[in-house]
PDB file of all heavy atoms in Angstrom:
ATOM      1  N   HIS A   1      45.750  57.073 130.592  1.00  0.00           N
ATOM      2  CA  HIS A   1      46.538  57.030 131.803  1.00  0.00           C
ATOM      3  C   HIS A   1      48.003  57.226 131.497  1.00  0.00           C
ATOM      4  O   HIS A   1      48.800  57.443 132.525  1.00  0.00           O
ATOM      5  CB  HIS A   1      46.382  55.665 132.469  1.00  0.00           C
ATOM      6  CG  HIS A   1      46.751  54.483 131.613  1.00  0.00           C
ATOM      7  ND1 HIS A   1      45.949  54.092 130.502  1.00  0.00           N
ATOM      8  CD2 HIS A   1      47.927  53.799 131.484  1.00  0.00           C
ATOM      9  CE1 HIS A   1      46.645  53.108 129.829  1.00  0.00           C
ATOM     10  NE2 HIS A   1      47.768  52.844 130.469  1.00  0.00           N
ATOM     11  N   ALA A   2      48.480  57.298 130.297  1.00  0.00           N
ATOM     12  CA  ALA A   2      49.836  57.344 129.912  1.00  0.00           C
ATOM     13  C   ALA A   2      50.140  57.606 128.532  1.00  0.00           C
ATOM     14  O   ALA A   2      49.222  57.494 127.674  1.00  0.00           O
ATOM     15  CB  ALA A   2      50.712  56.119 130.471  1.00  0.00           C
ATOM     16  N   ILE A   3      51.307  57.867 128.184  1.00  0.00           N
ATOM     17  CA  ILE A   3      51.799  57.986 126.724  1.00  0.00           C
ATOM     18  C   ILE A   3      52.875  56.942 126.588  1.00  0.00           C
ATOM     19  O   ILE A   3      53.840  56.868 127.420  1.00  0.00           O
ATOM     20  CB  ILE A   3      52.335  59.418 126.449  1.00  0.00           C
ATOM     21  CG1 ILE A   3      51.198  60.483 126.645  1.00  0.00           C
ATOM     22  CG2 ILE A   3      52.986  59.503 125.156  1.00  0.00           C
ATOM     23  CD1 ILE A   3      51.652  61.948 126.597  1.00  0.00           C
ATOM     24  N   TYR A   4      52.862  56.192 125.580  1.00  0.00           N
ATOM     25  CA  TYR A   4      53.759  55.149 125.287  1.00  0.00           C
ATOM     26  C   TYR A   4      54.515  55.470 123.952  1.00  0.00           C
ATOM     27  O   TYR A   4      53.926  55.610 123.017  1.00  0.00           O
ATOM     28  CB  TYR A   4      53.089  53.752 125.162  1.00  0.00           C
ATOM     29  CG  TYR A   4      52.492  53.352 126.440  1.00  0.00           C
ATOM     30  CD1 TYR A   4      51.148  53.575 126.691  1.00  0.00           C
ATOM     31  CD2 TYR A   4      53.299  52.678 127.394  1.00  0.00           C
ATOM     32  CE1 TYR A   4      50.568  53.248 127.914  1.00  0.00           C
ATOM     33  CE2 TYR A   4      52.606  52.252 128.663  1.00  0.00           C
ATOM     34  CZ  TYR A   4      51.247  52.535 128.811  1.00  0.00           C
ATOM     35  OH  TYR A   4      50.699  52.165 130.011  1.00  0.00           O
ATOM     36  N   ALA A   5      55.860  55.490 124.069  1.00  0.00           N
ATOM     37  CA  ALA A   5      56.688  55.581 122.940  1.00  0.00           C
ATOM     38  C   ALA A   5      57.162  54.198 122.566  1.00  0.00           C
ATOM     39  O   ALA A   5      57.796  53.470 123.272  1.00  0.00           O
ATOM     40  CB  ALA A   5      57.913  56.505 123.216  1.00  0.00           C
ATOM     41  N   ILE A   6      56.691  53.729 121.306  1.00  0.00           N
ATOM     42  CA  ILE A   6      56.979  52.439 120.938  1.00  0.00           C
ATOM     43  C   ILE A   6      58.112  52.387 119.928  1.00  0.00           C
ATOM     44  O   ILE A   6      57.986  53.035 118.922  1.00  0.00           O
ATOM     45  CB  ILE A   6      55.707  51.671 120.403  1.00  0.00           C
ATOM     46  CG1 ILE A   6      54.639  51.651 121.355  1.00  0.00           C
ATOM     47  CG2 ILE A   6      56.069  50.292 119.865  1.00  0.00           C
ATOM     48  CD1 ILE A   6      53.278  51.059 120.905  1.00  0.00           C
ATOM     49  N   GLU A   7      59.073  51.560 120.129  1.00  0.00           N
ATOM     50  CA  GLU A   7      60.113  51.237 119.217  1.00  0.00           C
ATOM     51  C   GLU A   7      59.855  49.912 118.602  1.00  0.00           C
ATOM     52  O   GLU A   7      59.672  48.919 119.310  1.00  0.00           O
ATOM     53  CB  GLU A   7      61.562  51.316 119.886  1.00  0.00           C
ATOM     54  CG  GLU A   7      62.679  51.052 118.926  1.00  0.00           C
ATOM     55  CD  GLU A   7      62.892  52.147 118.026  1.00  0.00           C
ATOM     56  OE1 GLU A   7      62.555  53.346 118.202  1.00  0.00           O
ATOM     57  OE2 GLU A   7      63.524  51.915 116.844  1.00  0.00           O
ATOM     58  N   ASN A   8      59.605  49.870 117.354  1.00  0.00           N
ATOM     59  CA  ASN A   8      59.202  48.638 116.695  1.00  0.00           C
ATOM     60  C   ASN A   8      60.395  47.983 115.916  1.00  0.00           C
ATOM     61  O   ASN A   8      61.148  48.641 115.231  1.00  0.00           O
ATOM     62  CB  ASN A   8      58.088  48.757 115.671  1.00  0.00           C
ATOM     63  CG  ASN A   8      57.533  47.545 115.089  1.00  0.00           C
ATOM     64  OD1 ASN A   8      56.977  46.694 115.860  1.00  0.00           O
ATOM     65  ND2 ASN A   8      57.830  47.248 113.823  1.00  0.00           N
ATOM     66  N   LYS A   9      60.579  46.676 116.097  1.00  0.00           N
ATOM     67  CA  LYS A   9      61.596  45.910 115.369  1.00  0.00           C
ATOM     68  C   LYS A   9      60.947  44.792 114.652  1.00  0.00           C
ATOM     69  O   LYS A   9      60.135  44.078 115.167  1.00  0.00           O
ATOM     70  CB  LYS A   9      62.646  45.398 116.305  1.00  0.00           C
ATOM     71  CG  LYS A   9      63.449  46.504 117.130  1.00  0.00           C
ATOM     72  CD  LYS A   9      64.207  47.343 116.150  1.00  0.00           C
ATOM     73  CE  LYS A   9      64.881  48.516 116.799  1.00  0.00           C
ATOM     74  NZ  LYS A   9      65.474  49.519 115.822  1.00  0.00           N
ATOM     75  N   ASP A  10      61.314  44.645 113.430  1.00  0.00           N
ATOM     76  CA  ASP A  10      60.740  43.665 112.479  1.00  0.00           C
ATOM     77  C   ASP A  10      61.843  42.615 112.246  1.00  0.00           C
ATOM     78  O   ASP A  10      61.990  42.082 111.212  1.00  0.00           O
ATOM     79  CB  ASP A  10      60.277  44.295 111.180  1.00  0.00           C
ATOM     80  CG  ASP A  10      59.365  43.421 110.393  1.00  0.00           C
ATOM     81  OD1 ASP A  10      58.731  42.493 111.049  1.00  0.00           O
ATOM     82  OD2 ASP A  10      59.345  43.589 109.212  1.00  0.00           O
ATOM     83  N   TYR A  11      62.580  42.192 113.316  1.00  0.00           N
ATOM     84  CA  TYR A  11      63.611  41.254 113.241  1.00  0.00           C
ATOM     85  C   TYR A  11      63.122  39.803 112.920  1.00  0.00           C
ATOM     86  O   TYR A  11      62.021  39.425 113.552  1.00  0.00           O
ATOM     87  CB  TYR A  11      64.384  41.174 114.613  1.00  0.00           C
ATOM     88  CG  TYR A  11      65.164  42.418 114.911  1.00  0.00           C
ATOM     89  CD1 TYR A  11      65.541  42.567 116.160  1.00  0.00           C
ATOM     90  CD2 TYR A  11      65.542  43.377 114.015  1.00  0.00           C
ATOM     91  CE1 TYR A  11      66.270  43.726 116.620  1.00  0.00           C
ATOM     92  CE2 TYR A  11      66.178  44.475 114.378  1.00  0.00           C
ATOM     93  CZ  TYR A  11      66.598  44.668 115.664  1.00  0.00           C
ATOM     94  OH  TYR A  11      67.347  45.749 116.039  1.00  0.00           O
ATOM     95  N   ARG A  12      63.713  39.141 112.069  1.00  0.00           N
ATOM     96  CA  ARG A  12      63.324  37.789 111.728  1.00  0.00           C
ATOM     97  C   ARG A  12      64.375  36.868 112.289  1.00  0.00           C
ATOM     98  O   ARG A  12      65.624  37.122 112.199  1.00  0.00           O
ATOM     99  CB  ARG A  12      63.170  37.602 110.209  1.00  0.00           C
ATOM    100  CG  ARG A  12      62.017  38.283 109.651  1.00  0.00           C
ATOM    101  CD  ARG A  12      62.010  38.269 108.082  1.00  0.00           C
ATOM    102  NE  ARG A  12      60.962  38.993 107.517  1.00  0.00           N
ATOM    103  CZ  ARG A  12      60.794  40.270 107.528  1.00  0.00           C
ATOM    104  NH1 ARG A  12      61.751  41.076 107.916  1.00  0.00           N
ATOM    105  NH2 ARG A  12      59.798  40.890 106.962  1.00  0.00           N
ATOM    106  N   GLY A  13      63.982  35.733 112.853  1.00  0.00           N
ATOM    107  CA  GLY A  13      64.939  34.736 113.423  1.00  0.00           C
ATOM    108  C   GLY A  13      65.042  34.835 114.866  1.00  0.00           C
ATOM    109  O   GLY A  13      64.246  35.505 115.573  1.00  0.00           O
ATOM    110  N   ARG A  14      65.987  34.079 115.365  1.00  0.00           N
ATOM    111  CA  ARG A  14      66.099  33.985 116.826  1.00  0.00           C
ATOM    112  C   ARG A  14      66.823  35.291 117.399  1.00  0.00           C
ATOM    113  O   ARG A  14      67.822  35.714 116.916  1.00  0.00           O
ATOM    114  CB  ARG A  14      67.011  32.765 117.148  1.00  0.00           C
ATOM    115  CG  ARG A  14      67.290  32.582 118.697  1.00  0.00           C
ATOM    116  CD  ARG A  14      67.898  31.344 119.004  1.00  0.00           C
ATOM    117  NE  ARG A  14      68.460  31.195 120.369  1.00  0.00           N
ATOM    118  CZ  ARG A  14      67.672  31.254 121.419  1.00  0.00           C
ATOM    119  NH1 ARG A  14      66.404  31.323 121.386  1.00  0.00           N
ATOM    120  NH2 ARG A  14      68.277  31.124 122.674  1.00  0.00           N
ATOM    121  N   ILE A  15      66.270  35.743 118.449  1.00  0.00           N
ATOM    122  CA  ILE A  15      66.617  36.856 119.138  1.00  0.00           C
ATOM    123  C   ILE A  15      67.059  36.465 120.567  1.00  0.00           C
ATOM    124  O   ILE A  15      66.295  35.834 121.297  1.00  0.00           O
ATOM    125  CB  ILE A  15      65.660  37.990 119.259  1.00  0.00           C
ATOM    126  CG1 ILE A  15      65.121  38.435 117.873  1.00  0.00           C
ATOM    127  CG2 ILE A  15      66.106  39.167 120.067  1.00  0.00           C
ATOM    128  CD1 ILE A  15      63.993  39.454 117.904  1.00  0.00           C
ATOM    129  N   GLU A  16      68.288  36.880 121.044  1.00  0.00           N
ATOM    130  CA  GLU A  16      68.777  36.789 122.372  1.00  0.00           C
ATOM    131  C   GLU A  16      69.013  38.137 122.784  1.00  0.00           C
ATOM    132  O   GLU A  16      69.639  39.048 122.197  1.00  0.00           O
ATOM    133  CB  GLU A  16      70.124  36.036 122.405  1.00  0.00           C
ATOM    134  CG  GLU A  16      70.142  34.606 121.981  1.00  0.00           C
ATOM    135  CD  GLU A  16      71.490  33.902 122.051  1.00  0.00           C
ATOM    136  OE1 GLU A  16      72.099  34.084 123.126  1.00  0.00           O
ATOM    137  OE2 GLU A  16      71.794  33.318 121.005  1.00  0.00           O
ATOM    138  N   ALA A  17      68.328  38.461 123.973  1.00  0.00           N
ATOM    139  CA  ALA A  17      68.253  39.790 124.473  1.00  0.00           C
ATOM    140  C   ALA A  17      69.043  39.921 125.807  1.00  0.00           C
ATOM    141  O   ALA A  17      68.728  39.188 126.682  1.00  0.00           O
ATOM    142  CB  ALA A  17      66.813  40.361 124.690  1.00  0.00           C
ATOM    143  N   TYR A  18      69.994  40.827 125.847  1.00  0.00           N
ATOM    144  CA  TYR A  18      70.787  41.041 127.014  1.00  0.00           C
ATOM    145  C   TYR A  18      70.772  42.658 127.309  1.00  0.00           C
ATOM    146  O   TYR A  18      70.362  43.432 126.437  1.00  0.00           O
ATOM    147  CB  TYR A  18      72.229  40.691 126.886  1.00  0.00           C
ATOM    148  CG  TYR A  18      72.270  39.175 126.488  1.00  0.00           C
ATOM    149  CD1 TYR A  18      72.567  38.741 125.309  1.00  0.00           C
ATOM    150  CD2 TYR A  18      72.205  38.195 127.539  1.00  0.00           C
ATOM    151  CE1 TYR A  18      72.604  37.360 124.922  1.00  0.00           C
ATOM    152  CE2 TYR A  18      72.272  36.863 127.296  1.00  0.00           C
ATOM    153  CZ  TYR A  18      72.469  36.484 126.038  1.00  0.00           C
ATOM    154  OH  TYR A  18      72.606  35.114 125.646  1.00  0.00           O
ATOM    155  N   ASN A  19      71.105  43.050 128.521  1.00  0.00           N
ATOM    156  CA  ASN A  19      71.072  44.551 128.823  1.00  0.00           C
ATOM    157  C   ASN A  19      71.891  45.286 127.885  1.00  0.00           C
ATOM    158  O   ASN A  19      71.490  46.453 127.542  1.00  0.00           O
ATOM    159  CB  ASN A  19      71.327  44.640 130.221  1.00  0.00           C
ATOM    160  CG  ASN A  19      70.315  44.254 131.185  1.00  0.00           C
ATOM    161  OD1 ASN A  19      69.178  44.111 130.793  1.00  0.00           O
ATOM    162  ND2 ASN A  19      70.626  43.876 132.399  1.00  0.00           N
ATOM    163  N   ASP A  20      72.958  44.825 127.533  1.00  0.00           N
ATOM    164  CA  ASP A  20      73.892  45.625 126.690  1.00  0.00           C
ATOM    165  C   ASP A  20      73.665  45.575 125.152  1.00  0.00           C
ATOM    166  O   ASP A  20      73.851  46.473 124.407  1.00  0.00           O
ATOM    167  CB  ASP A  20      75.373  45.337 126.970  1.00  0.00           C
ATOM    168  CG  ASP A  20      75.774  45.598 128.336  1.00  0.00           C
ATOM    169  OD1 ASP A  20      75.294  46.650 128.861  1.00  0.00           O
ATOM    170  OD2 ASP A  20      76.592  44.854 128.971  1.00  0.00           O
ATOM    171  N   ALA A  21      73.292  44.263 124.759  1.00  0.00           N
ATOM    172  CA  ALA A  21      73.148  44.119 123.237  1.00  0.00           C
ATOM    173  C   ALA A  21      72.137  42.971 123.034  1.00  0.00           C
ATOM    174  O   ALA A  21      71.836  42.194 123.902  1.00  0.00           O
ATOM    175  CB  ALA A  21      74.454  43.745 122.651  1.00  0.00           C
ATOM    176  N   TRP A  22      71.631  42.974 121.818  1.00  0.00           N
ATOM    177  CA  TRP A  22      70.764  41.951 121.345  1.00  0.00           C
ATOM    178  C   TRP A  22      71.439  41.217 120.250  1.00  0.00           C
ATOM    179  O   TRP A  22      72.277  41.858 119.472  1.00  0.00           O
ATOM    180  CB  TRP A  22      69.455  42.595 120.826  1.00  0.00           C
ATOM    181  CG  TRP A  22      68.522  42.991 121.865  1.00  0.00           C
ATOM    182  CD1 TRP A  22      68.736  43.490 123.123  1.00  0.00           C
ATOM    183  CD2 TRP A  22      67.113  43.197 121.655  1.00  0.00           C
ATOM    184  NE1 TRP A  22      67.675  43.907 123.754  1.00  0.00           N
ATOM    185  CE2 TRP A  22      66.552  43.682 122.914  1.00  0.00           C
ATOM    186  CE3 TRP A  22      66.226  42.896 120.656  1.00  0.00           C
ATOM    187  CZ2 TRP A  22      65.191  43.890 123.030  1.00  0.00           C
ATOM    188  CZ3 TRP A  22      64.883  43.171 120.781  1.00  0.00           C
ATOM    189  CH2 TRP A  22      64.381  43.652 121.975  1.00  0.00           C
ATOM    190  N   PHE A  23      71.146  40.014 120.113  1.00  0.00           N
ATOM    191  CA  PHE A  23      71.674  39.206 118.993  1.00  0.00           C
ATOM    192  C   PHE A  23      70.552  38.638 118.167  1.00  0.00           C
ATOM    193  O   PHE A  23      69.637  37.969 118.738  1.00  0.00           O
ATOM    194  CB  PHE A  23      72.629  38.046 119.545  1.00  0.00           C
ATOM    195  CG  PHE A  23      73.790  38.582 120.199  1.00  0.00           C
ATOM    196  CD1 PHE A  23      73.802  38.979 121.587  1.00  0.00           C
ATOM    197  CD2 PHE A  23      75.017  38.787 119.568  1.00  0.00           C
ATOM    198  CE1 PHE A  23      74.980  39.379 122.181  1.00  0.00           C
ATOM    199  CE2 PHE A  23      76.052  39.233 120.124  1.00  0.00           C
ATOM    200  CZ  PHE A  23      76.147  39.647 121.493  1.00  0.00           C
ATOM    201  N   CYS A  24      70.538  38.993 116.930  1.00  0.00           N
ATOM    202  CA  CYS A  24      69.496  38.475 115.986  1.00  0.00           C
ATOM    203  C   CYS A  24      70.214  37.558 115.025  1.00  0.00           C
ATOM    204  O   CYS A  24      71.087  38.019 114.273  1.00  0.00           O
ATOM    205  CB  CYS A  24      68.773  39.582 115.240  1.00  0.00           C
ATOM    206  SG  CYS A  24      67.514  39.082 114.260  1.00  0.00           S
TER     207      CYS A  24
END
């Protein structure tokens, strides 16, 4: 039904995600 382009991140620790930036 679709094609998915996956970006994988192997970040360790606490992640805060906002529209402009992420904080790990």
